[in-house]
Amino acid sequence: MNEIDYINAYKGYRKWQKLVYGMIPCKIGRAIVAITVIIGVVTLAALITLLTTPLILIKTIVKKVYEDGAKEIIMAMEFEKIKTGCKQYIKDIGGIQ
């Protein structure tokens, strides 16, 4: 966008603002509308954050467990097999000499 587009967009915004505020006869009414709009936007942002944050956390945790956890679990299983195998070998040869 160039400067002319910004100027036209601003002019359009000002026309919309005058139209909306022109419908409300007093300053108190305009203030109430402005506060209501701000509260609505903040509430919407908070709801979006509350809904998306757990999803992002779960996705990150699952990804981390899938990437790192699988290797650690396999290594632990292999270690347990080796440990069991060593114990069985010691029993087979008749103990440590």
C-alpha atoms as a PDB file:
ATOM      1  CA  MET A   1       0.000   0.000   0.000  1.00  0.00           C
ATOM      2  CA  ASN A   2       1.218   3.465  -0.765  1.00  0.00           C
ATOM      3  CA  GLU A   3       0.412   6.793   0.885  1.00  0.00           C
ATOM      4  CA  ILE A   4      -2.734   7.365  -1.178  1.00  0.00           C
ATOM      5  CA  ASP A   5      -4.153   4.021  -0.066  1.00  0.00           C
ATOM      6  CA  TYR A   6      -3.458   4.884   3.565  1.00  0.00           C
ATOM      7  CA  ILE A   7      -5.092   8.296   3.175  1.00  0.00           C
ATOM      8  CA  ASN A   8      -8.165   6.776   1.505  1.00  0.00           C
ATOM      9  CA  ALA A   9      -8.406   4.089   4.173  1.00  0.00           C
ATOM     10  CA  TYR A  10      -8.192   6.720   6.902  1.00  0.00           C
ATOM     11  CA  LYS A  11     -10.857   8.845   5.200  1.00  0.00           C
ATOM     12  CA  GLY A  12     -13.112   5.796   4.961  1.00  0.00           C
ATOM     13  CA  TYR A  13     -12.538   5.034   8.630  1.00  0.00           C
ATOM     14  CA  ARG A  14     -13.371   8.628   9.611  1.00  0.00           C
ATOM     15  CA  LYS A  15     -16.592   8.504   7.546  1.00  0.00           C
ATOM     16  CA  TRP A  16     -17.575   5.252   9.273  1.00  0.00           C
ATOM     17  CA  GLN A  17     -16.728   6.746  12.650  1.00  0.00           C
ATOM     18  CA  LYS A  18     -18.841   9.850  11.977  1.00  0.00           C
ATOM     19  CA  LEU A  19     -21.729   7.677  10.814  1.00  0.00           C
ATOM     20  CA  VAL A  20     -21.616   5.463  13.893  1.00  0.00           C
ATOM     21  CA  TYR A  21     -21.084   8.294  16.355  1.00  0.00           C
ATOM     22  CA  GLY A  22     -23.708  10.399  14.559  1.00  0.00           C
ATOM     23  CA  MET A  23     -26.320   7.804  15.493  1.00  0.00           C
ATOM     24  CA  ILE A  24     -25.535   8.282  19.181  1.00  0.00           C
ATOM     25  CA  PRO A  25     -26.764  11.702  20.318  1.00  0.00           C
ATOM     26  CA  CYS A  26     -24.694  12.334  23.468  1.00  0.00           C
ATOM     27  CA  LYS A  27     -21.059  12.064  24.547  1.00  0.00           C
ATOM     28  CA  ILE A  28     -21.901   9.649  27.357  1.00  0.00           C
ATOM     29  CA  GLY A  29     -23.507   7.293  24.858  1.00  0.00           C
ATOM     30  CA  ARG A  30     -20.444   7.469  22.639  1.00  0.00           C
ATOM     31  CA  ALA A  31     -18.206   6.724  25.614  1.00  0.00           C
ATOM     32  CA  ILE A  32     -20.363   3.733  26.548  1.00  0.00           C
ATOM     33  CA  VAL A  33     -20.170   2.422  22.979  1.00  0.00           C
ATOM     34  CA  ALA A  34     -16.390   2.900  22.910  1.00  0.00           C
ATOM     35  CA  ILE A  35     -15.942   1.108  26.243  1.00  0.00           C
ATOM     36  CA  THR A  36     -18.247  -1.707  25.127  1.00  0.00           C
ATOM     37  CA  VAL A  37     -16.275  -2.180  21.915  1.00  0.00           C
ATOM     38  CA  ILE A  38     -12.977  -2.243  23.820  1.00  0.00           C
ATOM     39  CA  ILE A  39     -14.346  -4.735  26.353  1.00  0.00           C
ATOM     40  CA  GLY A  40     -15.657  -6.905  23.517  1.00  0.00           C
ATOM     41  CA  VAL A  41     -12.311  -6.952  21.734  1.00  0.00           C
ATOM     42  CA  VAL A  42     -10.396  -7.730  24.935  1.00  0.00           C
ATOM     43  CA  THR A  43     -12.848 -10.496  25.847  1.00  0.00           C
ATOM     44  CA  LEU A  44     -12.600 -12.018  22.379  1.00  0.00           C
ATOM     45  CA  ALA A  45      -8.796 -11.953  22.528  1.00  0.00           C
ATOM     46  CA  ALA A  46      -8.853 -13.575  25.974  1.00  0.00           C
ATOM     47  CA  LEU A  47     -11.219 -16.318  24.798  1.00  0.00           C
ATOM     48  CA  ILE A  48      -9.083 -17.053  21.758  1.00  0.00           C
ATOM     49  CA  THR A  49      -5.995 -17.240  23.977  1.00  0.00           C
ATOM     50  CA  LEU A  50      -7.721 -19.505  26.498  1.00  0.00           C
ATOM     51  CA  LEU A  51      -8.920 -21.852  23.772  1.00  0.00           C
ATOM     52  CA  THR A  52      -5.703 -22.063  21.772  1.00  0.00           C
ATOM     53  CA  THR A  53      -3.109 -22.214  24.574  1.00  0.00           C
ATOM     54  CA  PRO A  54      -3.986 -25.749  25.783  1.00  0.00           C
ATOM     55  CA  LEU A  55      -4.018 -27.004  22.200  1.00  0.00           C
ATOM     56  CA  ILE A  56      -0.567 -25.564  21.539  1.00  0.00           C
ATOM     57  CA  LEU A  57       0.785 -26.991  24.806  1.00  0.00           C
ATOM     58  CA  ILE A  58      -0.636 -30.457  24.101  1.00  0.00           C
ATOM     59  CA  LYS A  59       0.754 -30.393  20.566  1.00  0.00           C
ATOM     60  CA  THR A  60       4.193 -29.380  21.854  1.00  0.00           C
ATOM     61  CA  ILE A  61       4.190 -32.043  24.578  1.00  0.00           C
ATOM     62  CA  VAL A  62       3.120 -34.798  22.186  1.00  0.00           C
ATOM     63  CA  LYS A  63       5.769 -33.712  19.690  1.00  0.00           C
ATOM     64  CA  LYS A  64       8.456 -33.666  22.404  1.00  0.00           C
ATOM     65  CA  VAL A  65       7.466 -37.090  23.745  1.00  0.00           C
ATOM     66  CA  TYR A  66       7.353 -38.507  20.230  1.00  0.00           C
ATOM     67  CA  GLU A  67      10.786 -37.124  19.339  1.00  0.00           C
ATOM     68  CA  ASP A  68      12.722 -37.629  22.579  1.00  0.00           C
ATOM     69  CA  GLY A  69      10.625 -40.008  24.634  1.00  0.00           C
ATOM     70  CA  ALA A  70      10.634 -42.867  22.153  1.00  0.00           C
ATOM     71  CA  LYS A  71      14.442 -43.045  22.120  1.00  0.00           C
ATOM     72  CA  GLU A  72      14.634 -42.995  25.901  1.00  0.00           C
ATOM     73  CA  ILE A  73      12.004 -45.720  26.242  1.00  0.00           C
ATOM     74  CA  ILE A  74      13.798 -47.947  23.709  1.00  0.00           C
ATOM     75  CA  MET A  75      17.129 -47.387  25.483  1.00  0.00           C
ATOM     76  CA  ALA A  76      15.566 -48.279  28.844  1.00  0.00           C
ATOM     77  CA  MET A  77      14.065 -51.464  27.384  1.00  0.00           C
ATOM     78  CA  GLU A  78      17.411 -52.448  25.852  1.00  0.00           C
ATOM     79  CA  PHE A  79      19.184 -51.749  29.148  1.00  0.00           C
ATOM     80  CA  GLU A  80      16.652 -53.944  30.970  1.00  0.00           C
ATOM     81  CA  LYS A  81      17.247 -56.762  28.440  1.00  0.00           C
ATOM     82  CA  ILE A  82      21.018 -56.480  28.865  1.00  0.00           C
ATOM     83  CA  LYS A  83      20.671 -56.411  32.664  1.00  0.00           C
ATOM     84  CA  THR A  84      18.402 -59.471  32.628  1.00  0.00           C
ATOM     85  CA  GLY A  85      20.735 -61.220  30.190  1.00  0.00           C
ATOM     86  CA  CYS A  86      23.757 -60.562  32.430  1.00  0.00           C
ATOM     87  CA  LYS A  87      21.931 -61.943  35.477  1.00  0.00           C
ATOM     88  CA  GLN A  88      20.896 -65.052  33.533  1.00  0.00           C
ATOM     89  CA  TYR A  89      24.453 -65.562  32.247  1.00  0.00           C
ATOM     90  CA  ILE A  90      25.836 -65.326  35.788  1.00  0.00           C
ATOM     91  CA  LYS A  91      23.290 -67.919  36.944  1.00  0.00           C
ATOM     92  CA  ASP A  92      24.169 -70.208  34.014  1.00  0.00           C
ATOM     93  CA  ILE A  93      27.911 -70.206  34.694  1.00  0.00           C
ATOM     94  CA  GLY A  94      27.364 -70.860  38.384  1.00  0.00           C
ATOM     95  CA  GLY A  95      27.952 -67.475  39.925  1.00  0.00           C
ATOM     96  CA  ILE A  96      30.742 -64.951  39.868  1.00  0.00           C
ATOM     97  CA  GLN A  97      34.171 -66.602  40.209  1.00  0.00           C
END
